[in-house]
N, C-alpha and C. Protein backbone atom coordinates (compact mmCIF):
# COMPACT_ATOMS: atom_id res chain seq x y z
N MET A 1 0.83 -1.18 0.00
CA MET A 1 0.00 0.00 0.00
C MET A 1 0.88 1.25 0.00
N SER A 2 0.57 2.17 -0.84
CA SER A 2 1.34 3.39 -0.96
C SER A 2 0.76 4.47 -0.07
N TYR A 3 1.62 5.20 0.58
CA TYR A 3 1.22 6.29 1.46
C TYR A 3 1.06 7.56 0.63
N ILE A 4 -0.06 8.23 0.79
CA ILE A 4 -0.32 9.49 0.09
C ILE A 4 0.08 10.63 1.00
N LEU A 5 0.95 11.50 0.51
CA LEU A 5 1.38 12.65 1.30
C LEU A 5 0.26 13.70 1.35
N THR A 6 -0.01 14.19 2.53
CA THR A 6 -1.00 15.25 2.68
C THR A 6 -0.35 16.59 2.34
N ASN A 7 -1.16 17.63 2.25
CA ASN A 7 -0.61 18.97 2.00
C ASN A 7 0.28 19.42 3.14
N ASP A 8 -0.06 19.05 4.38
CA ASP A 8 0.79 19.39 5.52
C ASP A 8 2.14 18.68 5.44
N ASP A 9 2.11 17.42 5.01
CA ASP A 9 3.36 16.67 4.84
C ASP A 9 4.24 17.33 3.79
N LYS A 10 3.62 17.70 2.67
CA LYS A 10 4.38 18.35 1.59
C LYS A 10 4.93 19.69 2.04
N ALA A 11 4.15 20.44 2.80
CA ALA A 11 4.62 21.73 3.31
C ALA A 11 5.81 21.54 4.26
N PHE A 12 5.73 20.52 5.11
CA PHE A 12 6.83 20.24 6.04
C PHE A 12 8.10 19.86 5.28
N LEU A 13 7.96 18.99 4.28
CA LEU A 13 9.12 18.57 3.49
C LEU A 13 9.67 19.72 2.65
N SER A 14 8.80 20.58 2.14
CA SER A 14 9.26 21.75 1.38
C SER A 14 10.04 22.71 2.28
N LYS A 15 9.57 22.86 3.50
CA LYS A 15 10.29 23.71 4.47
C LYS A 15 11.67 23.13 4.75
N LEU A 16 11.74 21.81 4.89
CA LEU A 16 13.02 21.14 5.11
C LEU A 16 13.93 21.32 3.90
N ALA A 17 13.37 21.19 2.71
CA ALA A 17 14.16 21.38 1.49
C ALA A 17 14.68 22.81 1.39
N ASN A 18 13.86 23.78 1.75
CA ASN A 18 14.30 25.17 1.72
C ASN A 18 15.44 25.42 2.70
N LYS A 19 15.39 24.77 3.85
CA LYS A 19 16.48 24.90 4.84
C LYS A 19 17.77 24.29 4.28
N ILE A 20 17.66 23.17 3.60
CA ILE A 20 18.83 22.53 2.99
C ILE A 20 19.42 23.44 1.92
N VAL A 21 18.57 24.07 1.13
CA VAL A 21 19.04 25.01 0.10
C VAL A 21 19.72 26.20 0.75
N GLU A 22 19.13 26.71 1.82
CA GLU A 22 19.69 27.85 2.54
C GLU A 22 21.10 27.54 3.07
N LEU A 23 21.29 26.30 3.50
CA LEU A 23 22.60 25.88 4.02
C LEU A 23 23.56 25.45 2.90
N LYS A 24 23.08 25.50 1.65
CA LYS A 24 23.87 25.13 0.48
C LYS A 24 24.37 23.69 0.54
N LEU A 25 23.47 22.79 0.92
CA LEU A 25 23.79 21.37 1.03
C LEU A 25 22.93 20.53 0.09
N ILE A 26 22.58 21.10 -1.05
CA ILE A 26 21.68 20.40 -1.98
C ILE A 26 22.30 19.11 -2.50
N THR A 27 23.47 19.21 -3.10
CA THR A 27 24.09 18.04 -3.72
C THR A 27 24.40 16.94 -2.72
N PRO A 28 25.06 17.25 -1.58
CA PRO A 28 25.29 16.16 -0.62
C PRO A 28 24.00 15.54 -0.09
N SER A 29 22.98 16.37 0.06
CA SER A 29 21.70 15.84 0.56
C SER A 29 21.05 14.89 -0.44
N ILE A 30 21.08 15.26 -1.71
CA ILE A 30 20.50 14.39 -2.74
C ILE A 30 21.27 13.08 -2.82
N PHE A 31 22.60 13.15 -2.81
CA PHE A 31 23.41 11.92 -2.82
C PHE A 31 23.07 11.04 -1.63
N PHE A 32 23.00 11.65 -0.44
CA PHE A 32 22.72 10.88 0.76
C PHE A 32 21.34 10.25 0.71
N LEU A 33 20.34 11.02 0.31
CA LEU A 33 18.98 10.49 0.25
C LEU A 33 18.85 9.36 -0.77
N GLU A 34 19.52 9.51 -1.91
CA GLU A 34 19.49 8.43 -2.92
C GLU A 34 20.16 7.16 -2.39
N MET A 35 21.25 7.33 -1.62
CA MET A 35 21.96 6.16 -1.09
C MET A 35 21.14 5.42 -0.05
N VAL A 36 20.45 6.15 0.81
CA VAL A 36 19.75 5.51 1.91
C VAL A 36 18.27 5.27 1.63
N LYS A 37 17.83 5.59 0.43
CA LYS A 37 16.40 5.42 0.10
C LYS A 37 15.90 4.00 0.38
N PRO A 38 16.66 2.95 0.07
CA PRO A 38 16.15 1.59 0.37
C PRO A 38 16.05 1.31 1.88
N LEU A 39 16.75 2.10 2.69
CA LEU A 39 16.78 1.86 4.13
C LEU A 39 15.99 2.91 4.90
N ASN A 40 15.08 3.61 4.25
CA ASN A 40 14.40 4.72 4.90
C ASN A 40 13.61 4.30 6.14
N PHE A 41 13.01 3.12 6.13
CA PHE A 41 12.26 2.69 7.31
C PHE A 41 13.18 2.45 8.49
N ILE A 42 14.30 1.80 8.25
CA ILE A 42 15.26 1.55 9.33
C ILE A 42 15.80 2.87 9.86
N GLY A 43 16.07 3.81 8.96
CA GLY A 43 16.55 5.12 9.38
C GLY A 43 15.54 5.86 10.23
N SER A 44 14.28 5.78 9.87
CA SER A 44 13.25 6.47 10.65
C SER A 44 13.12 5.84 12.04
N GLN A 45 13.24 4.53 12.13
CA GLN A 45 13.18 3.87 13.42
C GLN A 45 14.40 4.20 14.28
N THR A 46 15.55 4.40 13.64
CA THR A 46 16.75 4.83 14.35
C THR A 46 16.54 6.23 14.91
N MET A 47 15.89 7.09 14.13
CA MET A 47 15.60 8.45 14.61
C MET A 47 14.70 8.38 15.85
N VAL A 48 13.71 7.52 15.84
CA VAL A 48 12.81 7.37 17.00
C VAL A 48 13.60 6.87 18.20
N PHE A 49 14.48 5.90 17.98
CA PHE A 49 15.28 5.33 19.06
C PHE A 49 16.15 6.40 19.73
N PHE A 50 16.82 7.24 18.92
CA PHE A 50 17.71 8.26 19.47
C PHE A 50 16.99 9.55 19.84
N GLY A 51 15.69 9.62 19.63
CA GLY A 51 14.91 10.83 19.92
C GLY A 51 15.09 11.37 21.33
N PRO A 52 14.98 10.55 22.36
CA PRO A 52 15.15 11.09 23.72
C PRO A 52 16.54 11.67 23.97
N ILE A 53 17.54 11.09 23.37
CA ILE A 53 18.90 11.61 23.54
C ILE A 53 19.05 12.93 22.79
N ILE A 54 18.56 12.97 21.57
CA ILE A 54 18.64 14.19 20.75
C ILE A 54 17.89 15.32 21.43
N SER A 55 16.70 15.03 21.97
CA SER A 55 15.88 16.08 22.57
C SER A 55 16.51 16.67 23.82
N ALA A 56 17.46 15.98 24.40
CA ALA A 56 18.16 16.53 25.56
C ALA A 56 19.11 17.66 25.16
N PHE A 57 19.51 17.69 23.88
CA PHE A 57 20.50 18.66 23.43
C PHE A 57 19.95 19.72 22.49
N VAL A 58 18.95 19.40 21.71
CA VAL A 58 18.41 20.35 20.73
C VAL A 58 16.89 20.37 20.79
N LYS A 59 16.31 21.42 20.22
CA LYS A 59 14.86 21.53 20.13
C LYS A 59 14.37 20.57 19.06
N THR A 60 13.39 19.77 19.37
CA THR A 60 12.96 18.70 18.46
C THR A 60 11.54 18.88 17.97
N ASP A 61 11.16 20.09 17.62
CA ASP A 61 9.79 20.33 17.17
C ASP A 61 9.40 19.43 16.00
N GLY A 62 10.20 19.41 14.96
CA GLY A 62 9.87 18.63 13.78
C GLY A 62 10.58 17.30 13.69
N TYR A 63 11.35 16.96 14.71
CA TYR A 63 12.16 15.74 14.66
C TYR A 63 11.30 14.48 14.52
N TYR A 64 10.32 14.34 15.40
CA TYR A 64 9.48 13.13 15.36
C TYR A 64 8.56 13.13 14.15
N ARG A 65 8.18 14.31 13.70
CA ARG A 65 7.37 14.39 12.47
C ARG A 65 8.19 13.90 11.29
N ALA A 66 9.47 14.32 11.23
CA ALA A 66 10.35 13.86 10.16
C ALA A 66 10.55 12.35 10.24
N ALA A 67 10.74 11.84 11.44
CA ALA A 67 10.91 10.39 11.61
C ALA A 67 9.68 9.64 11.10
N GLU A 68 8.51 10.16 11.39
CA GLU A 68 7.27 9.52 10.93
C GLU A 68 7.15 9.59 9.40
N LEU A 69 7.49 10.74 8.83
CA LEU A 69 7.41 10.89 7.38
C LEU A 69 8.42 10.01 6.65
N PHE A 70 9.62 9.91 7.21
CA PHE A 70 10.67 9.14 6.52
C PHE A 70 10.44 7.64 6.57
N GLU A 71 9.42 7.20 7.29
CA GLU A 71 9.04 5.79 7.22
C GLU A 71 8.52 5.44 5.83
N GLN A 72 7.97 6.42 5.15
CA GLN A 72 7.34 6.20 3.86
C GLN A 72 8.30 6.54 2.72
N HIS A 73 8.38 5.66 1.77
CA HIS A 73 9.26 5.85 0.62
C HIS A 73 8.86 7.10 -0.18
N SER A 74 7.57 7.38 -0.25
CA SER A 74 7.10 8.51 -1.05
C SER A 74 7.58 9.85 -0.50
N SER A 75 7.79 9.95 0.80
CA SER A 75 8.26 11.22 1.37
C SER A 75 9.72 11.47 1.02
N VAL A 76 10.53 10.43 1.01
CA VAL A 76 11.93 10.59 0.62
C VAL A 76 12.01 10.99 -0.85
N GLU A 77 11.20 10.36 -1.67
CA GLU A 77 11.17 10.68 -3.10
C GLU A 77 10.70 12.13 -3.31
N PHE A 78 9.69 12.56 -2.56
CA PHE A 78 9.21 13.94 -2.67
C PHE A 78 10.29 14.92 -2.28
N LEU A 79 11.03 14.63 -1.21
CA LEU A 79 12.10 15.53 -0.76
C LEU A 79 13.20 15.63 -1.81
N ILE A 80 13.56 14.53 -2.43
CA ILE A 80 14.58 14.56 -3.48
C ILE A 80 14.10 15.40 -4.65
N CYS A 81 12.87 15.20 -5.08
CA CYS A 81 12.31 15.98 -6.20
C CYS A 81 12.25 17.46 -5.86
N GLU A 82 11.89 17.77 -4.64
CA GLU A 82 11.81 19.18 -4.20
C GLU A 82 13.20 19.82 -4.20
N LEU A 83 14.20 19.09 -3.74
CA LEU A 83 15.57 19.61 -3.76
C LEU A 83 16.05 19.84 -5.19
N GLU A 84 15.74 18.91 -6.08
CA GLU A 84 16.13 19.07 -7.49
C GLU A 84 15.42 20.27 -8.11
N ARG A 85 14.15 20.45 -7.78
CA ARG A 85 13.40 21.60 -8.32
C ARG A 85 13.99 22.91 -7.81
N LEU A 86 14.31 22.97 -6.52
CA LEU A 86 14.89 24.18 -5.96
C LEU A 86 16.29 24.47 -6.49
N SER A 87 17.05 23.41 -6.79
CA SER A 87 18.40 23.62 -7.29
C SER A 87 18.38 24.19 -8.70
N LYS A 88 17.35 23.87 -9.48
CA LYS A 88 17.23 24.40 -10.82
C LYS A 88 16.86 25.87 -10.82
N SER A 89 16.12 26.29 -9.80
CA SER A 89 15.70 27.68 -9.72
C SER A 89 16.78 28.59 -9.14
N GLU A 90 17.82 27.99 -8.62
CA GLU A 90 18.89 28.77 -8.01
C GLU A 90 19.89 29.26 -9.01
């Protein structure tokens, strides 16, 4: 079963993509996402596992939301497409 991204999900991922563009990390991010795309579920579960440790050091407003989204293959694909779209407009 394929997960359909909601408008809120797309807005969250677009905001993340804009932050990556702002930090000028488009190319490394696309390479990394393409490499780990087959392991996205394991990566999201790792994020959940380390969540309590991470939250002790940084603000984690969108951390668990990202972990939930990255469970789905379609969200990783959307983020890659969004980064590619933003890199063309730059």
